[in-house]
Amino acid sequence: KDKKEEFLVNGKCEMCKKSIEMAALSVNGVSKANWNMETKTIAVTLDDSKTDVDKIHQSIVKVGYDTKLHKATDEAYNSLPDCCKYDRSKLEAPKKPVKYEHR
């Protein structure tokens, strides 16, 4: 009963990608997670008899990243490394792909 879902998740860099994917994969029933830095979307494969998309959103916001359904707490967001801090005022796919580099 595998199901594929895609949704927006705020983030900026490779470290964000790792954290977001690990948070999604930590949910029982999620077998694949791939966050695209350029489009800010995560594609997940889940067994919907074991979990649902809302649980995945909740797991991601716990580590500090806003999703379309939930906003991370200020405490979780503020615990992110400086390179991972993003503009929290909006959550939308970029008009054109954006690459962020660690400095």
N, C-alpha and C. Protein backbone atom coordinates (compact mmCIF):
# COMPACT_ATOMS: atom_id res chain seq x y z
N LYS A 1 0.83 -1.20 0.00
CA LYS A 1 0.00 0.00 0.00
C LYS A 1 0.87 1.26 0.00
N ASP A 2 1.95 1.24 -0.75
CA ASP A 2 2.80 2.42 -0.79
C ASP A 2 2.14 3.55 -1.56
N LYS A 3 2.32 4.73 -1.03
CA LYS A 3 1.71 5.92 -1.59
C LYS A 3 2.80 6.99 -1.68
N LYS A 4 2.79 7.78 -2.75
CA LYS A 4 3.77 8.86 -2.89
C LYS A 4 3.09 10.19 -2.62
N GLU A 5 3.77 11.04 -1.89
CA GLU A 5 3.26 12.38 -1.58
C GLU A 5 4.37 13.38 -1.81
N GLU A 6 4.00 14.60 -2.15
CA GLU A 6 4.97 15.68 -2.31
C GLU A 6 4.41 16.93 -1.67
N PHE A 7 5.26 17.67 -0.94
CA PHE A 7 4.82 18.93 -0.37
C PHE A 7 6.00 19.85 -0.13
N LEU A 8 5.69 21.14 0.07
CA LEU A 8 6.72 22.15 0.27
C LEU A 8 7.25 22.12 1.70
N VAL A 9 8.57 22.31 1.82
CA VAL A 9 9.23 22.42 3.12
C VAL A 9 10.28 23.51 2.99
N ASN A 10 10.26 24.49 3.90
CA ASN A 10 11.28 25.54 3.88
C ASN A 10 12.63 24.98 4.27
N GLY A 11 13.68 25.52 3.68
CA GLY A 11 15.05 25.11 3.99
C GLY A 11 15.97 25.77 2.99
N LYS A 12 17.30 25.58 3.17
CA LYS A 12 18.22 26.28 2.29
C LYS A 12 19.36 25.44 1.72
N CYS A 13 19.96 24.58 2.53
CA CYS A 13 21.26 24.02 2.14
C CYS A 13 21.31 22.49 2.29
N GLU A 14 22.49 21.93 2.06
CA GLU A 14 22.70 20.48 2.18
C GLU A 14 22.40 19.99 3.59
N MET A 15 22.76 20.79 4.61
CA MET A 15 22.47 20.38 5.99
C MET A 15 20.96 20.30 6.22
N CYS A 16 20.23 21.25 5.65
CA CYS A 16 18.76 21.23 5.75
C CYS A 16 18.23 19.95 5.11
N LYS A 17 18.75 19.66 3.92
CA LYS A 17 18.31 18.47 3.17
C LYS A 17 18.44 17.22 4.04
N LYS A 18 19.61 17.05 4.68
CA LYS A 18 19.83 15.88 5.53
C LYS A 18 18.85 15.84 6.69
N SER A 19 18.68 16.98 7.37
CA SER A 19 17.78 17.04 8.54
C SER A 19 16.34 16.76 8.16
N ILE A 20 15.90 17.37 7.07
CA ILE A 20 14.51 17.21 6.61
C ILE A 20 14.25 15.75 6.22
N GLU A 21 15.16 15.17 5.45
CA GLU A 21 14.98 13.79 5.01
C GLU A 21 15.04 12.82 6.19
N MET A 22 15.97 13.05 7.13
CA MET A 22 16.08 12.17 8.31
C MET A 22 14.81 12.26 9.16
N ALA A 23 14.26 13.47 9.30
CA ALA A 23 13.03 13.64 10.08
C ALA A 23 11.88 12.86 9.43
N ALA A 24 11.78 12.94 8.11
CA ALA A 24 10.71 12.22 7.40
C ALA A 24 10.92 10.71 7.53
N LEU A 25 12.16 10.26 7.36
CA LEU A 25 12.44 8.83 7.42
C LEU A 25 12.30 8.26 8.84
N SER A 26 12.33 9.12 9.85
CA SER A 26 12.18 8.64 11.23
C SER A 26 10.74 8.23 11.54
N VAL A 27 9.82 8.61 10.67
CA VAL A 27 8.41 8.26 10.87
C VAL A 27 8.20 6.81 10.40
N ASN A 28 7.67 5.98 11.30
CA ASN A 28 7.40 4.58 10.96
C ASN A 28 6.44 4.52 9.78
N GLY A 29 6.84 3.79 8.73
CA GLY A 29 5.99 3.67 7.55
C GLY A 29 6.51 4.45 6.36
N VAL A 30 7.50 5.34 6.59
CA VAL A 30 8.10 6.10 5.49
C VAL A 30 9.31 5.32 4.98
N SER A 31 9.32 5.00 3.69
CA SER A 31 10.42 4.22 3.14
C SER A 31 11.39 5.06 2.32
N LYS A 32 10.93 6.18 1.78
CA LYS A 32 11.80 7.05 0.98
C LYS A 32 11.47 8.50 1.26
N ALA A 33 12.51 9.34 1.24
CA ALA A 33 12.31 10.79 1.39
C ALA A 33 13.41 11.48 0.60
N ASN A 34 13.03 12.42 -0.25
CA ASN A 34 14.01 13.18 -1.01
C ASN A 34 13.56 14.63 -1.08
N TRP A 35 14.31 15.52 -0.41
CA TRP A 35 14.00 16.95 -0.43
C TRP A 35 14.83 17.61 -1.51
N ASN A 36 14.17 18.37 -2.38
CA ASN A 36 14.84 19.07 -3.46
C ASN A 36 15.12 20.51 -3.03
N MET A 37 16.41 20.85 -2.92
CA MET A 37 16.80 22.19 -2.47
C MET A 37 16.31 23.29 -3.39
N GLU A 38 16.27 23.02 -4.67
CA GLU A 38 15.92 24.05 -5.63
C GLU A 38 14.42 24.34 -5.66
N THR A 39 13.60 23.30 -5.53
CA THR A 39 12.15 23.51 -5.60
C THR A 39 11.51 23.57 -4.21
N LYS A 40 12.28 23.24 -3.18
CA LYS A 40 11.80 23.20 -1.79
C LYS A 40 10.67 22.19 -1.57
N THR A 41 10.66 21.13 -2.38
CA THR A 41 9.63 20.11 -2.19
C THR A 41 10.27 18.81 -1.72
N ILE A 42 9.54 18.10 -0.89
CA ILE A 42 9.99 16.78 -0.47
C ILE A 42 9.05 15.76 -1.09
N ALA A 43 9.65 14.71 -1.61
CA ALA A 43 8.87 13.58 -2.15
C ALA A 43 9.07 12.43 -1.17
N VAL A 44 7.97 11.91 -0.65
CA VAL A 44 8.05 10.80 0.30
C VAL A 44 7.24 9.62 -0.20
N THR A 45 7.70 8.44 0.14
CA THR A 45 6.95 7.21 -0.13
C THR A 45 6.59 6.64 1.23
N LEU A 46 5.29 6.41 1.44
CA LEU A 46 4.83 5.94 2.74
C LEU A 46 3.83 4.82 2.60
N ASP A 47 3.77 4.02 3.65
CA ASP A 47 2.76 2.97 3.75
C ASP A 47 1.61 3.59 4.53
N ASP A 48 0.50 3.88 3.84
CA ASP A 48 -0.58 4.61 4.51
C ASP A 48 -1.38 3.76 5.50
N SER A 49 -1.00 2.49 5.65
CA SER A 49 -1.63 1.70 6.72
C SER A 49 -0.84 1.90 8.04
N LYS A 50 0.36 2.48 7.94
CA LYS A 50 1.19 2.69 9.13
C LYS A 50 1.29 4.16 9.55
N THR A 51 1.14 5.07 8.60
CA THR A 51 1.30 6.49 8.92
C THR A 51 0.49 7.35 7.95
N ASP A 52 0.51 8.64 8.18
CA ASP A 52 -0.14 9.57 7.25
C ASP A 52 0.75 10.79 7.05
N VAL A 53 0.41 11.59 6.08
CA VAL A 53 1.23 12.74 5.71
C VAL A 53 1.37 13.74 6.86
N ASP A 54 0.32 13.90 7.65
CA ASP A 54 0.38 14.85 8.76
C ASP A 54 1.49 14.49 9.75
N LYS A 55 1.68 13.20 10.01
CA LYS A 55 2.74 12.77 10.94
C LYS A 55 4.12 13.13 10.38
N ILE A 56 4.26 13.06 9.07
CA ILE A 56 5.53 13.42 8.45
C ILE A 56 5.76 14.93 8.59
N HIS A 57 4.73 15.72 8.33
CA HIS A 57 4.84 17.17 8.52
C HIS A 57 5.26 17.47 9.97
N GLN A 58 4.61 16.83 10.92
CA GLN A 58 4.90 17.09 12.34
C GLN A 58 6.34 16.73 12.69
N SER A 59 6.86 15.65 12.14
CA SER A 59 8.23 15.24 12.40
C SER A 59 9.22 16.27 11.84
N ILE A 60 8.91 16.82 10.67
CA ILE A 60 9.79 17.82 10.04
C ILE A 60 9.77 19.14 10.81
N VAL A 61 8.59 19.58 11.25
CA VAL A 61 8.55 20.86 11.99
C VAL A 61 9.24 20.74 13.35
N LYS A 62 9.28 19.54 13.93
CA LYS A 62 9.97 19.34 15.21
C LYS A 62 11.46 19.66 15.11
N VAL A 63 12.05 19.44 13.92
CA VAL A 63 13.48 19.72 13.76
C VAL A 63 13.74 21.14 13.23
N GLY A 64 12.67 21.95 13.08
CA GLY A 64 12.86 23.37 12.80
C GLY A 64 12.45 23.88 11.44
N TYR A 65 11.82 23.05 10.63
CA TYR A 65 11.48 23.47 9.26
C TYR A 65 9.98 23.60 9.07
N ASP A 66 9.54 24.75 8.53
CA ASP A 66 8.12 24.97 8.26
C ASP A 66 7.67 24.16 7.05
N THR A 67 6.45 23.62 7.13
CA THR A 67 5.86 22.92 5.99
C THR A 67 4.57 23.64 5.62
N LYS A 68 3.91 23.17 4.58
CA LYS A 68 2.65 23.77 4.16
C LYS A 68 1.56 23.63 5.24
N LEU A 69 1.61 22.55 6.03
CA LEU A 69 0.56 22.32 7.04
C LEU A 69 0.88 22.89 8.41
N HIS A 70 2.17 22.93 8.76
CA HIS A 70 2.55 23.34 10.12
C HIS A 70 3.75 24.26 10.10
N LYS A 71 3.83 25.12 11.13
CA LYS A 71 4.99 25.98 11.31
C LYS A 71 5.81 25.45 12.48
N ALA A 72 7.12 25.44 12.33
CA ALA A 72 7.99 25.01 13.42
C ALA A 72 7.88 26.00 14.56
N THR A 73 8.11 25.54 15.79
CA THR A 73 8.13 26.47 16.92
C THR A 73 9.33 27.39 16.75
N ASP A 74 9.27 28.58 17.37
CA ASP A 74 10.42 29.49 17.31
C ASP A 74 11.64 28.83 17.93
N GLU A 75 11.41 28.06 18.99
CA GLU A 75 12.51 27.37 19.66
C GLU A 75 13.21 26.39 18.71
N ALA A 76 12.42 25.59 17.97
CA ALA A 76 12.99 24.63 17.03
C ALA A 76 13.72 25.36 15.90
N TYR A 77 13.09 26.42 15.37
CA TYR A 77 13.71 27.18 14.28
C TYR A 77 15.02 27.82 14.76
N ASN A 78 14.99 28.43 15.93
CA ASN A 78 16.18 29.12 16.45
C ASN A 78 17.33 28.17 16.76
N SER A 79 17.05 26.87 16.90
CA SER A 79 18.11 25.91 17.17
C SER A 79 18.83 25.47 15.88
N LEU A 80 18.32 25.89 14.73
CA LEU A 80 18.97 25.56 13.46
C LEU A 80 20.30 26.30 13.35
N PRO A 81 21.29 25.69 12.67
CA PRO A 81 22.54 26.42 12.40
C PRO A 81 22.23 27.66 11.56
N ASP A 82 23.07 28.69 11.67
CA ASP A 82 22.82 29.94 10.94
C ASP A 82 22.64 29.74 9.44
N CYS A 83 23.40 28.80 8.86
CA CYS A 83 23.31 28.60 7.40
C CYS A 83 21.96 28.02 7.00
N CYS A 84 21.23 27.48 7.95
CA CYS A 84 19.94 26.85 7.65
C CYS A 84 18.75 27.78 7.88
N LYS A 85 18.99 28.97 8.42
CA LYS A 85 17.88 29.89 8.71
C LYS A 85 17.35 30.46 7.40
N TYR A 86 16.05 30.37 7.23
CA TYR A 86 15.39 30.76 5.99
C TYR A 86 14.36 31.84 6.29
N ASP A 87 13.81 32.42 5.26
CA ASP A 87 12.78 33.44 5.39
C ASP A 87 11.47 32.76 5.80
N ARG A 88 11.03 33.00 7.03
CA ARG A 88 9.83 32.33 7.54
C ARG A 88 8.53 33.03 7.14
N SER A 89 8.65 34.19 6.49
CA SER A 89 7.44 34.95 6.17
C SER A 89 6.66 34.32 5.02
N LYS A 90 7.32 33.46 4.25
CA LYS A 90 6.61 32.84 3.12
C LYS A 90 7.10 31.42 2.91
N LEU A 91 6.22 30.62 2.37
CA LEU A 91 6.58 29.26 1.99
C LEU A 91 5.97 29.02 0.62
N GLU A 92 6.82 29.13 -0.38
CA GLU A 92 6.36 28.90 -1.74
C GLU A 92 7.53 28.38 -2.56
N ALA A 93 7.21 27.66 -3.61
CA ALA A 93 8.25 27.17 -4.50
C ALA A 93 8.88 28.38 -5.19
N PRO A 94 10.20 28.40 -5.30
CA PRO A 94 10.85 29.53 -5.97
C PRO A 94 10.39 29.66 -7.42
N LYS A 95 10.35 30.90 -7.91
CA LYS A 95 9.95 31.15 -9.30
C LYS A 95 10.95 30.49 -10.24
N LYS A 96 12.22 30.58 -9.87
CA LYS A 96 13.25 29.88 -10.64
C LYS A 96 14.14 29.17 -9.63
N PRO A 97 14.77 28.08 -10.03
CA PRO A 97 15.61 27.34 -9.08
C PRO A 97 16.68 28.22 -8.45
N VAL A 98 16.87 28.03 -7.14
CA VAL A 98 17.83 28.82 -6.39
C VAL A 98 18.83 27.87 -5.76
N LYS A 99 20.10 28.21 -5.88
CA LYS A 99 21.14 27.39 -5.24
C LYS A 99 21.75 28.20 -4.11
N TYR A 100 21.84 27.61 -2.93
CA TYR A 100 22.49 28.25 -1.80
C TYR A 100 23.79 27.51 -1.55
N GLU A 101 24.84 28.25 -1.30
CA GLU A 101 26.14 27.65 -1.02
C GLU A 101 26.52 27.95 0.41
N HIS A 102 27.15 26.97 1.06
CA HIS A 102 27.71 27.25 2.40
C HIS A 102 28.87 28.21 2.24
N ARG A 103 29.01 29.14 3.17
CA ARG A 103 30.15 30.07 3.14
C ARG A 103 30.95 29.93 4.40
